All heavy atoms as atom14 arrays in JSON, in Angstrom:
{
  "sequence": "MPAVIVEVGYLSSTKEQKKLQQSWYQEQLSRAI",
  "atom14_mask": [
    [1, 1, 1, 1, 1, 1, 1, 1, 0, 0, 0, 0, 0, 0],
    [1, 1, 1, 1, 1, 1, 1, 0, 0, 0, 0, 0, 0, 0],
    [1, 1, 1, 1, 1, 0, 0, 0, 0, 0, 0, 0, 0, 0],
    [1, 1, 1, 1, 1, 1, 1, 0, 0, 0, 0, 0, 0, 0],
    [1, 1, 1, 1, 1, 1, 1, 1, 0, 0, 0, 0, 0, 0],
    [1, 1, 1, 1, 1, 1, 1, 0, 0, 0, 0, 0, 0, 0],
    [1, 1, 1, 1, 1, 1, 1, 1, 1, 0, 0, 0, 0, 0],
    [1, 1, 1, 1, 1, 1, 1, 0, 0, 0, 0, 0, 0, 0],
    [1, 1, 1, 1, 0, 0, 0, 0, 0, 0, 0, 0, 0, 0],
    [1, 1, 1, 1, 1, 1, 1, 1, 1, 1, 1, 1, 0, 0],
    [1, 1, 1, 1, 1, 1, 1, 1, 0, 0, 0, 0, 0, 0],
    [1, 1, 1, 1, 1, 1, 0, 0, 0, 0, 0, 0, 0, 0],
    [1, 1, 1, 1, 1, 1, 0, 0, 0, 0, 0, 0, 0, 0],
    [1, 1, 1, 1, 1, 1, 1, 0, 0, 0, 0, 0, 0, 0],
    [1, 1, 1, 1, 1, 1, 1, 1, 1, 0, 0, 0, 0, 0],
    [1, 1, 1, 1, 1, 1, 1, 1, 1, 0, 0, 0, 0, 0],
    [1, 1, 1, 1, 1, 1, 1, 1, 1, 0, 0, 0, 0, 0],
    [1, 1, 1, 1, 1, 1, 1, 1, 1, 0, 0, 0, 0, 0],
    [1, 1, 1, 1, 1, 1, 1, 1, 1, 0, 0, 0, 0, 0],
    [1, 1, 1, 1, 1, 1, 1, 1, 0, 0, 0, 0, 0, 0],
    [1, 1, 1, 1, 1, 1, 1, 1, 1, 0, 0, 0, 0, 0],
    [1, 1, 1, 1, 1, 1, 1, 1, 1, 0, 0, 0, 0, 0],
    [1, 1, 1, 1, 1, 1, 0, 0, 0, 0, 0, 0, 0, 0],
    [1, 1, 1, 1, 1, 1, 1, 1, 1, 1, 1, 1, 1, 1],
    [1, 1, 1, 1, 1, 1, 1, 1, 1, 1, 1, 1, 0, 0],
    [1, 1, 1, 1, 1, 1, 1, 1, 1, 0, 0, 0, 0, 0],
    [1, 1, 1, 1, 1, 1, 1, 1, 1, 0, 0, 0, 0, 0],
    [1, 1, 1, 1, 1, 1, 1, 1, 1, 0, 0, 0, 0, 0],
    [1, 1, 1, 1, 1, 1, 1, 1, 0, 0, 0, 0, 0, 0],
    [1, 1, 1, 1, 1, 1, 0, 0, 0, 0, 0, 0, 0, 0],
    [1, 1, 1, 1, 1, 1, 1, 1, 1, 1, 1, 0, 0, 0],
    [1, 1, 1, 1, 1, 0, 0, 0, 0, 0, 0, 0, 0, 0],
    [1, 1, 1, 1, 1, 1, 1, 1, 0, 0, 0, 0, 0, 0]
  ],
  "atom14_positions": [
    [[42.48, 80.21, 10.29], [41.29, 79.95, 9.56], [41.65, 79.08, 8.28], [42.82, 78.84, 8.0], [40.69, 81.26, 9.01], [41.58, 82.05, 8.05], [43.13, 82.83, 8.75], [42.41, 83.96, 9.9], [0.0, 0.0, 0.0], [0.0, 0.0, 0.0], [0.0, 0.0, 0.0], [0.0, 0.0, 0.0], [0.0, 0.0, 0.0], [0.0, 0.0, 0.0]],
    [[40.77, 78.51, 7.63], [41.07, 77.68, 6.39], [41.89, 78.55, 5.41], [41.62, 79.64, 5.23], [39.65, 77.32, 5.78], [38.66, 77.47, 6.92], [39.25, 78.59, 7.88], [0.0, 0.0, 0.0], [0.0, 0.0, 0.0], [0.0, 0.0, 0.0], [0.0, 0.0, 0.0], [0.0, 0.0, 0.0], [0.0, 0.0, 0.0], [0.0, 0.0, 0.0]],
    [[43.01, 77.92, 4.93], [43.87, 78.69, 4.05], [44.3, 77.75, 2.94], [44.46, 76.56, 3.0], [45.14, 79.13, 4.92], [0.0, 0.0, 0.0], [0.0, 0.0, 0.0], [0.0, 0.0, 0.0], [0.0, 0.0, 0.0], [0.0, 0.0, 0.0], [0.0, 0.0, 0.0], [0.0, 0.0, 0.0], [0.0, 0.0, 0.0], [0.0, 0.0, 0.0]],
    [[44.53, 78.48, 1.71], [45.02, 77.75, 0.55], [46.1, 78.57, -0.14], [46.1, 79.77, 0.06], [43.91, 77.43, -0.42], [42.8, 76.54, 0.21], [43.18, 78.74, -0.96], [0.0, 0.0, 0.0], [0.0, 0.0, 0.0], [0.0, 0.0, 0.0], [0.0, 0.0, 0.0], [0.0, 0.0, 0.0], [0.0, 0.0, 0.0], [0.0, 0.0, 0.0]],
    [[46.9, 77.93, -0.96], [47.79, 78.62, -1.86], [47.39, 78.29, -3.25], [47.17, 77.11, -3.61], [49.24, 78.18, -1.63], [49.74, 78.62, -0.23], [50.2, 78.63, -2.75], [51.22, 78.23, 0.1], [0.0, 0.0, 0.0], [0.0, 0.0, 0.0], [0.0, 0.0, 0.0], [0.0, 0.0, 0.0], [0.0, 0.0, 0.0], [0.0, 0.0, 0.0]],
    [[47.11, 79.34, -4.05], [46.8, 79.08, -5.46], [47.95, 79.51, -6.38], [48.41, 80.68, -6.34], [45.53, 79.93, -5.81], [45.16, 79.64, -7.31], [44.42, 79.69, -4.88], [0.0, 0.0, 0.0], [0.0, 0.0, 0.0], [0.0, 0.0, 0.0], [0.0, 0.0, 0.0], [0.0, 0.0, 0.0], [0.0, 0.0, 0.0], [0.0, 0.0, 0.0]],
    [[48.55, 78.62, -7.06], [49.57, 78.8, -7.98], [48.86, 78.89, -9.37], [48.45, 77.97, -9.95], [50.59, 77.64, -8.03], [51.32, 77.44, -6.76], [52.54, 78.3, -6.52], [52.84, 79.11, -7.39], [53.19, 78.1, -5.48], [0.0, 0.0, 0.0], [0.0, 0.0, 0.0], [0.0, 0.0, 0.0], [0.0, 0.0, 0.0], [0.0, 0.0, 0.0]],
    [[48.82, 80.1, -9.88], [48.01, 80.45, -11.06], [48.58, 79.98, -12.38], [47.95, 79.91, -13.37], [47.59, 81.9, -11.14], [46.81, 82.35, -9.95], [48.87, 82.71, -11.28], [0.0, 0.0, 0.0], [0.0, 0.0, 0.0], [0.0, 0.0, 0.0], [0.0, 0.0, 0.0], [0.0, 0.0, 0.0], [0.0, 0.0, 0.0], [0.0, 0.0, 0.0]],
    [[49.9, 79.57, -12.37], [50.53, 79.14, -13.55], [52.04, 79.04, -13.39], [52.47, 79.16, -12.29], [0.0, 0.0, 0.0], [0.0, 0.0, 0.0], [0.0, 0.0, 0.0], [0.0, 0.0, 0.0], [0.0, 0.0, 0.0], [0.0, 0.0, 0.0], [0.0, 0.0, 0.0], [0.0, 0.0, 0.0], [0.0, 0.0, 0.0], [0.0, 0.0, 0.0]],
    [[52.71, 78.92, -14.52], [54.16, 78.83, -14.49], [54.88, 79.94, -15.29], [54.7, 79.97, -16.53], [54.63, 77.46, -14.96], [54.4, 76.36, -14.05], [53.24, 75.81, -13.72], [55.47, 75.78, -13.26], [52.99, 74.76, -12.83], [55.33, 74.77, -12.38], [54.09, 74.23, -12.18], [53.83, 73.21, -11.25], [0.0, 0.0, 0.0], [0.0, 0.0, 0.0]],
    [[55.71, 80.67, -14.62], [56.42, 81.72, -15.33], [57.56, 81.03, -16.15], [58.08, 81.63, -17.14], [57.05, 82.73, -14.34], [56.28, 83.88, -13.89], [57.02, 84.84, -13.06], [55.73, 84.64, -15.12], [0.0, 0.0, 0.0], [0.0, 0.0, 0.0], [0.0, 0.0, 0.0], [0.0, 0.0, 0.0], [0.0, 0.0, 0.0], [0.0, 0.0, 0.0]],
    [[57.9, 79.84, -15.78], [58.99, 79.16, -16.5], [58.57, 78.64, -17.85], [59.39, 78.25, -18.7], [59.51, 78.02, -15.66], [58.52, 77.24, -15.11], [0.0, 0.0, 0.0], [0.0, 0.0, 0.0], [0.0, 0.0, 0.0], [0.0, 0.0, 0.0], [0.0, 0.0, 0.0], [0.0, 0.0, 0.0], [0.0, 0.0, 0.0], [0.0, 0.0, 0.0]],
    [[57.22, 78.64, -18.07], [56.66, 78.23, -19.37], [56.55, 79.5, -20.27], [55.74, 80.38, -19.91], [55.28, 77.56, -19.26], [54.64, 77.48, -20.38], [0.0, 0.0, 0.0], [0.0, 0.0, 0.0], [0.0, 0.0, 0.0], [0.0, 0.0, 0.0], [0.0, 0.0, 0.0], [0.0, 0.0, 0.0], [0.0, 0.0, 0.0], [0.0, 0.0, 0.0]],
    [[57.21, 79.52, -21.4], [57.25, 80.75, -22.14], [55.83, 81.03, -22.7], [55.33, 82.21, -22.66], [58.08, 80.59, -23.41], [59.49, 80.23, -22.91], [58.19, 81.82, -24.25], [0.0, 0.0, 0.0], [0.0, 0.0, 0.0], [0.0, 0.0, 0.0], [0.0, 0.0, 0.0], [0.0, 0.0, 0.0], [0.0, 0.0, 0.0], [0.0, 0.0, 0.0]],
    [[55.09, 80.02, -23.13], [53.77, 80.22, -23.6], [52.81, 80.7, -22.51], [52.0, 81.65, -22.69], [53.19, 78.84, -24.16], [51.89, 78.93, -24.77], [51.42, 77.59, -25.25], [49.96, 77.63, -25.84], [49.54, 76.39, -26.37], [0.0, 0.0, 0.0], [0.0, 0.0, 0.0], [0.0, 0.0, 0.0], [0.0, 0.0, 0.0], [0.0, 0.0, 0.0]],
    [[52.91, 80.09, -21.31], [52.05, 80.55, -20.15], [52.44, 81.89, -19.61], [51.53, 82.65, -19.2], [52.03, 79.36, -19.03], [50.93, 79.57, -18.1], [50.66, 78.38, -17.32], [51.56, 77.89, -16.61], [49.53, 77.87, -17.51], [0.0, 0.0, 0.0], [0.0, 0.0, 0.0], [0.0, 0.0, 0.0], [0.0, 0.0, 0.0], [0.0, 0.0, 0.0]],
    [[53.67, 82.17, -19.66], [54.09, 83.52, -19.1], [53.46, 84.65, -19.99], [53.02, 85.62, -19.42], [55.66, 83.58, -19.26], [56.19, 85.0, -18.93], [57.46, 85.31, -19.67], [58.53, 84.76, -19.3], [57.34, 86.19, -20.54], [0.0, 0.0, 0.0], [0.0, 0.0, 0.0], [0.0, 0.0, 0.0], [0.0, 0.0, 0.0], [0.0, 0.0, 0.0]],
    [[53.46, 84.42, -21.28], [52.74, 85.45, -22.14], [51.29, 85.59, -21.75], [50.82, 86.74, -21.71], [52.92, 85.02, -23.62], [54.36, 85.12, -24.09], [54.49, 84.69, -25.52], [55.91, 84.76, -26.05], [56.01, 84.25, -27.48], [0.0, 0.0, 0.0], [0.0, 0.0, 0.0], [0.0, 0.0, 0.0], [0.0, 0.0, 0.0], [0.0, 0.0, 0.0]],
    [[50.55, 84.48, -21.54], [49.25, 84.57, -21.13], [48.97, 85.24, -19.75], [48.04, 86.01, -19.58], [48.56, 83.14, -21.11], [48.38, 82.61, -22.48], [47.4, 81.36, -22.48], [47.78, 80.3, -21.54], [46.83, 79.13, -21.6], [0.0, 0.0, 0.0], [0.0, 0.0, 0.0], [0.0, 0.0, 0.0], [0.0, 0.0, 0.0], [0.0, 0.0, 0.0]],
    [[49.87, 84.91, -18.85], [49.72, 85.48, -17.48], [49.92, 86.97, -17.48], [49.43, 87.64, -16.51], [50.8, 84.81, -16.54], [50.57, 83.36, -16.13], [51.8, 82.7, -15.51], [49.36, 83.3, -15.18], [0.0, 0.0, 0.0], [0.0, 0.0, 0.0], [0.0, 0.0, 0.0], [0.0, 0.0, 0.0], [0.0, 0.0, 0.0], [0.0, 0.0, 0.0]],
    [[50.52, 87.56, -18.43], [50.68, 88.98, -18.55], [49.53, 89.67, -19.14], [49.38, 90.92, -19.12], [51.94, 89.26, -19.35], [53.24, 88.98, -18.64], [54.46, 89.23, -19.44], [54.96, 88.38, -20.29], [54.95, 90.44, -19.42], [0.0, 0.0, 0.0], [0.0, 0.0, 0.0], [0.0, 0.0, 0.0], [0.0, 0.0, 0.0], [0.0, 0.0, 0.0]],
    [[48.62, 88.82, -19.72], [47.44, 89.46, -20.49], [46.25, 89.6, -19.61], [45.88, 88.72, -18.75], [47.11, 88.5, -21.66], [48.13, 88.29, -22.65], [48.55, 89.6, -23.31], [47.77, 90.38, -23.74], [49.81, 89.8, -23.48], [0.0, 0.0, 0.0], [0.0, 0.0, 0.0], [0.0, 0.0, 0.0], [0.0, 0.0, 0.0], [0.0, 0.0, 0.0]],
    [[45.58, 90.74, -19.62], [44.5, 91.08, -18.75], [43.33, 90.05, -18.97], [42.68, 89.71, -17.99], [43.99, 92.5, -19.09], [42.85, 92.8, -18.3], [0.0, 0.0, 0.0], [0.0, 0.0, 0.0], [0.0, 0.0, 0.0], [0.0, 0.0, 0.0], [0.0, 0.0, 0.0], [0.0, 0.0, 0.0], [0.0, 0.0, 0.0], [0.0, 0.0, 0.0]],
    [[43.03, 89.63, -20.21], [41.99, 88.7, -20.45], [42.2, 87.39, -19.74], [41.2, 86.75, -19.28], [41.74, 88.54, -21.93], [42.9, 87.74, -22.64], [43.94, 88.38, -23.3], [43.1, 86.46, -22.76], [44.81, 87.47, -23.8], [44.36, 86.21, -23.49], [42.44, 85.23, -22.36], [44.88, 84.95, -23.81], [42.93, 84.01, -22.68], [44.12, 83.84, -23.41]],
    [[43.4, 86.98, -19.68], [43.69, 85.66, -19.01], [43.66, 85.83, -17.49], [43.19, 84.97, -16.79], [45.06, 85.13, -19.47], [45.31, 83.67, -19.06], [44.47, 82.61, -19.51], [46.33, 83.39, -18.12], [44.62, 81.33, -19.09], [46.51, 82.02, -17.68], [45.68, 81.02, -18.15], [45.88, 79.76, -17.75], [0.0, 0.0, 0.0], [0.0, 0.0, 0.0]],
    [[44.19, 86.93, -17.0], [44.15, 87.26, -15.55], [42.65, 87.26, -15.13], [42.33, 86.86, -14.0], [44.8, 88.53, -15.25], [46.28, 88.52, -15.42], [46.98, 89.76, -15.03], [46.37, 90.73, -14.57], [48.27, 89.89, -15.15], [0.0, 0.0, 0.0], [0.0, 0.0, 0.0], [0.0, 0.0, 0.0], [0.0, 0.0, 0.0], [0.0, 0.0, 0.0]],
    [[41.8, 87.84, -16.0], [40.36, 87.85, -15.7], [39.76, 86.49, -15.51], [38.99, 86.22, -14.64], [39.59, 88.65, -16.81], [39.84, 90.12, -16.9], [39.13, 90.94, -15.9], [38.11, 90.39, -15.34], [39.42, 92.09, -15.74], [0.0, 0.0, 0.0], [0.0, 0.0, 0.0], [0.0, 0.0, 0.0], [0.0, 0.0, 0.0], [0.0, 0.0, 0.0]],
    [[40.23, 85.59, -16.39], [39.67, 84.22, -16.38], [40.19, 83.48, -15.06], [39.34, 82.79, -14.34], [40.07, 83.41, -17.54], [39.42, 83.79, -18.85], [39.82, 82.84, -20.04], [40.09, 81.68, -19.83], [39.82, 83.38, -21.17], [0.0, 0.0, 0.0], [0.0, 0.0, 0.0], [0.0, 0.0, 0.0], [0.0, 0.0, 0.0], [0.0, 0.0, 0.0]],
    [[41.38, 83.72, -14.69], [41.92, 83.1, -13.49], [41.25, 83.69, -12.24], [40.79, 82.95, -11.38], [43.39, 83.36, -13.4], [44.31, 82.62, -14.44], [45.68, 83.15, -14.42], [44.34, 81.12, -14.09], [0.0, 0.0, 0.0], [0.0, 0.0, 0.0], [0.0, 0.0, 0.0], [0.0, 0.0, 0.0], [0.0, 0.0, 0.0], [0.0, 0.0, 0.0]],
    [[41.14, 85.04, -12.31], [40.43, 85.74, -11.17], [39.01, 85.26, -10.96], [38.56, 85.14, -9.82], [40.59, 87.28, -11.35], [41.89, 87.66, -11.5], [0.0, 0.0, 0.0], [0.0, 0.0, 0.0], [0.0, 0.0, 0.0], [0.0, 0.0, 0.0], [0.0, 0.0, 0.0], [0.0, 0.0, 0.0], [0.0, 0.0, 0.0], [0.0, 0.0, 0.0]],
    [[38.34, 85.15, -12.04], [36.97, 84.73, -12.0], [36.81, 83.37, -11.42], [35.85, 83.05, -10.51], [36.26, 84.86, -13.38], [34.69, 84.68, -13.29], [34.06, 84.93, -14.59], [34.45, 86.3, -15.09], [35.19, 86.64, -16.06], [35.79, 85.7, -16.81], [35.43, 87.94, -16.33], [0.0, 0.0, 0.0], [0.0, 0.0, 0.0], [0.0, 0.0, 0.0]],
    [[37.68, 82.41, -11.83], [37.67, 81.1, -11.28], [37.87, 81.08, -9.8], [37.27, 80.38, -9.01], [38.65, 80.24, -12.08], [0.0, 0.0, 0.0], [0.0, 0.0, 0.0], [0.0, 0.0, 0.0], [0.0, 0.0, 0.0], [0.0, 0.0, 0.0], [0.0, 0.0, 0.0], [0.0, 0.0, 0.0], [0.0, 0.0, 0.0], [0.0, 0.0, 0.0]],
    [[38.94, 81.82, -9.32], [39.27, 81.85, -7.9], [38.14, 82.47, -7.1], [37.77, 82.01, -6.05], [40.6, 82.69, -7.7], [41.74, 82.01, -8.41], [40.87, 82.94, -6.24], [42.97, 82.82, -8.56], [0.0, 0.0, 0.0], [0.0, 0.0, 0.0], [0.0, 0.0, 0.0], [0.0, 0.0, 0.0], [0.0, 0.0, 0.0], [0.0, 0.0, 0.0]]
  ]
}
């Protein structure tokens, strides 16, 4: 079936890693997906 890979961000970015651990940012990513 149609398939995609979504890379939601970069753990290697210190700034983005902090956001990826936050529920509010996960909510934004999840809503977009």
